[in-house]
Amino acid sequence: MEILWAPWRMEYILKAKDGSEEGCIFCNRVEQTRDRENLILYRSQHAFVIMNRFPYNNGHLMVVPYRHSGNLLDLEPPEHQDLFALLQLSVKALEAVMNPHGYNIGMNLGRVAGAGIEDHLHFHIVPRWNGDTNFMPIIGDTKVVSEALDKTYEKLVEAIHQLTGEEK
C-alpha cells in the first residue's frame, strides 16, 4: 500500500471537533484586515470572495455576503446583485488562472443539506477538470490538491485585481 501524506488536513479535522473559534468564521475573517492570511481575495460593497482553506479541489472559492444570515430569503436585491457579480468575477479569475473545464457552483442551505456553516450563507465555486475524479477519493478516502494555497491565492488575487482594474 502506498501512503499519501496530507498533514494540512489535521488542522481541519481537529478544528471541526474542538469548537475553539467563537462566533462565525466568515464574520470573524472579514472583520480583520489580514486578507492574505485569511485568504480573502476580494471585497465588494455587500460581499467578499474567500478561498476555502480545506478545498474540495484546487481553486475552491466561496462568495459570502457580509450580512450574517443563514436564510436565503433574507437577502436584499443589492446583496443578490453583488453576490452574482462576484460569482461571475470569480469564474473569470479562475478561467484566467486555472482554465478549468467546468464548475460546481452552489450553496448548501441547512445542516441536513450539507452546510458546514449553516448560519451564514455562502456560495461554493469548485473548478473541475476532465479526469479530476480518480481512484483516490473512492478507494483511499483521500483528495489530492496539487498546488499550495498561497500560490493559488497569489495567482487569483492578481487576476481579480486585473479584471476589476483595482489595485491590491
Foldseek 3Di string as FASTA:
>chain_A
DDDDDDPLCVVVVVCLPPVPDPDDPVLVLVVDPPCLVQQWQDDDDFWTKGADSDDPEPLKIKIFGNDFALDPVPDDVVNVVVSVVVVVLSVQLCCVQPNAPDWDKDWQADVVSPDSRRRTTMIIIGGHHVPLDDCCCVPVVDHDYPDDSSVSSVSSSVSSCVVVVHDD
